[in-house]
Amino acid sequence: MKGMVTFPQIEEILEILDDHMINRELIEIPLGAKDPGGIEDLGGGRCRVTVPESTDFDEWLEAIRAPLLAFYGVEE
């Protein structure tokens, strides 16, 4: 459904954290997709990752990987 983030998409985002042993509790992923999407600092080491509505998810996920890891102080 357009405008909604699917469970498989959420799992793909969380896999990035899992691959680097980052606690899933430190991320918030809204269920509604909204442009432009991105990463927002929530304080306390937590962030909100918003999936964009009008961008290809796979391309966006590849582009957001490094900034998401950098938020948690991880370099690839």
C-alpha atoms as a PDB file:
ATOM      1  CA  MET A   1       0.000   0.000   0.000  1.00  0.00           C
ATOM      2  CA  LYS A   2       1.365   3.392  -1.016  1.00  0.00           C
ATOM      3  CA  GLY A   3       2.410   5.551   1.890  1.00  0.00           C
ATOM      4  CA  MET A   4       2.895   2.660   4.295  1.00  0.00           C
ATOM      5  CA  VAL A   5       6.144   1.055   5.432  1.00  0.00           C
ATOM      6  CA  THR A   6       5.957  -2.729   5.194  1.00  0.00           C
ATOM      7  CA  PHE A   7       7.205  -5.200   7.774  1.00  0.00           C
ATOM      8  CA  PRO A   8       9.838  -6.555   5.325  1.00  0.00           C
ATOM      9  CA  GLN A   9      11.126  -3.001   4.809  1.00  0.00           C
ATOM     10  CA  ILE A  10      11.365  -2.487   8.563  1.00  0.00           C
ATOM     11  CA  GLU A  11      13.271  -5.756   8.850  1.00  0.00           C
ATOM     12  CA  GLU A  12      15.751  -4.604   6.182  1.00  0.00           C
ATOM     13  CA  ILE A  13      16.407  -1.394   8.113  1.00  0.00           C
ATOM     14  CA  LEU A  14      16.812  -3.296  11.375  1.00  0.00           C
ATOM     15  CA  GLU A  15      19.228  -5.750   9.734  1.00  0.00           C
ATOM     16  CA  ILE A  16      21.656  -2.861   9.274  1.00  0.00           C
ATOM     17  CA  LEU A  17      21.639  -2.400  13.050  1.00  0.00           C
ATOM     18  CA  ASP A  18      21.793  -6.132  13.735  1.00  0.00           C
ATOM     19  CA  ASP A  19      24.838  -6.548  11.486  1.00  0.00           C
ATOM     20  CA  HIS A  20      26.708  -4.110  13.769  1.00  0.00           C
ATOM     21  CA  MET A  21      25.274  -5.248  17.114  1.00  0.00           C
ATOM     22  CA  ILE A  22      23.360  -1.976  17.581  1.00  0.00           C
ATOM     23  CA  ASN A  23      20.359  -2.288  19.894  1.00  0.00           C
ATOM     24  CA  ARG A  24      17.038  -2.139  18.014  1.00  0.00           C
ATOM     25  CA  GLU A  25      15.578  -0.141  20.907  1.00  0.00           C
ATOM     26  CA  LEU A  26      17.630   2.851  19.706  1.00  0.00           C
ATOM     27  CA  ILE A  27      15.652   3.336  16.508  1.00  0.00           C
ATOM     28  CA  GLU A  28      12.122   4.456  15.765  1.00  0.00           C
ATOM     29  CA  ILE A  29      10.623   3.717  12.343  1.00  0.00           C
ATOM     30  CA  PRO A  30       7.235   5.347  11.668  1.00  0.00           C
ATOM     31  CA  LEU A  31       4.764   3.118   9.824  1.00  0.00           C
ATOM     32  CA  GLY A  32       3.820   5.917   7.441  1.00  0.00           C
ATOM     33  CA  ALA A  33       6.217   6.791   4.620  1.00  0.00           C
ATOM     34  CA  LYS A  34       6.756  10.537   4.211  1.00  0.00           C
ATOM     35  CA  ASP A  35       8.930  12.593   1.897  1.00  0.00           C
ATOM     36  CA  PRO A  36      11.725  13.464   2.017  1.00  0.00           C
ATOM     37  CA  GLY A  37      12.503  10.707   4.544  1.00  0.00           C
ATOM     38  CA  GLY A  38      15.731  10.610   6.500  1.00  0.00           C
ATOM     39  CA  ILE A  39      17.262  10.353   9.948  1.00  0.00           C
ATOM     40  CA  GLU A  40      16.266  12.535  12.885  1.00  0.00           C
ATOM     41  CA  ASP A  41      18.159  12.662  16.182  1.00  0.00           C
ATOM     42  CA  LEU A  42      15.775  12.006  19.079  1.00  0.00           C
ATOM     43  CA  GLY A  43      18.432  12.489  21.745  1.00  0.00           C
ATOM     44  CA  GLY A  44      19.777   9.912  24.144  1.00  0.00           C
ATOM     45  CA  GLY A  45      21.420   7.962  21.322  1.00  0.00           C
ATOM     46  CA  ARG A  46      18.073   7.312  19.631  1.00  0.00           C
ATOM     47  CA  CYS A  47      17.004   8.238  16.118  1.00  0.00           C
ATOM     48  CA  ARG A  48      13.908   8.201  13.963  1.00  0.00           C
ATOM     49  CA  VAL A  49      14.288   6.811  10.446  1.00  0.00           C
ATOM     50  CA  THR A  50      11.510   7.918   8.124  1.00  0.00           C
ATOM     51  CA  VAL A  51      11.114   6.035   4.853  1.00  0.00           C
ATOM     52  CA  PRO A  52      10.392   8.352   1.907  1.00  0.00           C
ATOM     53  CA  GLU A  53       7.151   7.811   0.007  1.00  0.00           C
ATOM     54  CA  SER A  54       8.288   8.707  -3.508  1.00  0.00           C
ATOM     55  CA  THR A  55      11.787   7.163  -3.639  1.00  0.00           C
ATOM     56  CA  ASP A  56      12.671   3.585  -4.564  1.00  0.00           C
ATOM     57  CA  PHE A  57      13.103   1.821  -1.215  1.00  0.00           C
ATOM     58  CA  ASP A  58      16.128  -0.286  -2.198  1.00  0.00           C
ATOM     59  CA  GLU A  59      18.028   2.723  -3.572  1.00  0.00           C
ATOM     60  CA  TRP A  60      17.119   4.766  -0.499  1.00  0.00           C
ATOM     61  CA  LEU A  61      18.176   1.969   1.859  1.00  0.00           C
ATOM     62  CA  GLU A  62      21.592   1.762   0.208  1.00  0.00           C
ATOM     63  CA  ALA A  63      21.999   5.548   0.462  1.00  0.00           C
ATOM     64  CA  ILE A  64      20.888   5.743   4.114  1.00  0.00           C
ATOM     65  CA  ARG A  65      23.105   2.872   5.336  1.00  0.00           C
ATOM     66  CA  ALA A  66      26.315   4.893   5.902  1.00  0.00           C
ATOM     67  CA  PRO A  67      24.588   7.897   7.541  1.00  0.00           C
ATOM     68  CA  LEU A  68      22.593   5.580   9.805  1.00  0.00           C
ATOM     69  CA  LEU A  69      25.708   3.748  10.936  1.00  0.00           C
ATOM     70  CA  ALA A  70      27.579   7.048  11.345  1.00  0.00           C
ATOM     71  CA  PHE A  71      24.810   8.221  13.664  1.00  0.00           C
ATOM     72  CA  TYR A  72      25.770   5.342  15.963  1.00  0.00           C
ATOM     73  CA  GLY A  73      29.502   5.967  15.521  1.00  0.00           C
ATOM     74  CA  VAL A  74      30.111   2.997  13.232  1.00  0.00           C
ATOM     75  CA  GLU A  75      32.280   3.281  10.121  1.00  0.00           C
ATOM     76  CA  GLU A  76      32.193   0.691   7.395  1.00  0.00           C
END
